[in-house]
């Protein structure tokens, strides 16, 4: 067959929920275009039911992921970076199409994104040493504070930074032992949907990360009101939507990270690592040693 006569096999993008790749239960899709308005693909248009299914999957995965050692979580995150490196050309094409960048600039974004995964992989077994520790108290007690994950976190990915911004808000959530429901950028969801394929082959347990595409407001509204979602990152919400979601989130006292101007190319601090951590403080009597009553 002449190469000119060959029909390209177009990719079917799917959601990622509970370690599987379903289509939206609604059967709906929407067109994704590049920066010039040219058609790129059809992406699943997630429904409220898809959002609820993702919460169930994230809750089911939370016990195992939060109970894993921090060192093990770091190994898993590093494996994600390894797999991304192997698919660098694919993500370069998708980021270039999504964000209207030249191939060289898109490649630089992908490289920075892979490095960002490695950066957070290195923090998994160090954050407890930074934000936890022994507390000085008046009395014969050990007083120790240690961080614990908040639980199930809904993450609204940034709208403009389809890959670097996405990883910058997702990686710290799972690095600290939380599980996540990611609402991909509405305009540029393809890098997020492809990232799901990497996560599925990178030792990340099913349900730890769930990726939904579609209308941000339509998906985020049931997540903000869901009683089994513990926190929400509003990075991808505009001012009006963020206000509505914050009101809905107050019903079960969710932790809320409000949208703020962020340069995702800058080296991140630990703010997003600590945003979805709770602090557990334990008191324990030290007891006494010897007849003198000295304590340790």
Foldseek 3Di string as FASTA:
>chain_A
DDPVPDDDDADDFFWAAQLDGHAAPVPDWDFAFFPVRHTDYTYGAHAQVLLVRLLVSQQVCQVVQQPDALLVLLQLLLLLLVLLVVCLQVQLVLQCRHQVDDSVVSSVLSVLQSVLSNVLSVCLNPVQVVPWAWDDDPAQKTKTKGKGFQEEEEEEFAQNSQRLSRSNLPSLNSSRRYAYEYEGRARRRVSVSVSSVSSSVRPNRGSSYIYDYHDSLRSLQSLLQDLSHQAYEPQHPDPVSQVNSVVSNPVNDHQYHGHDDDDSSDDDDCCSNCSRIDMDMDMDGQFADDPVRHGD
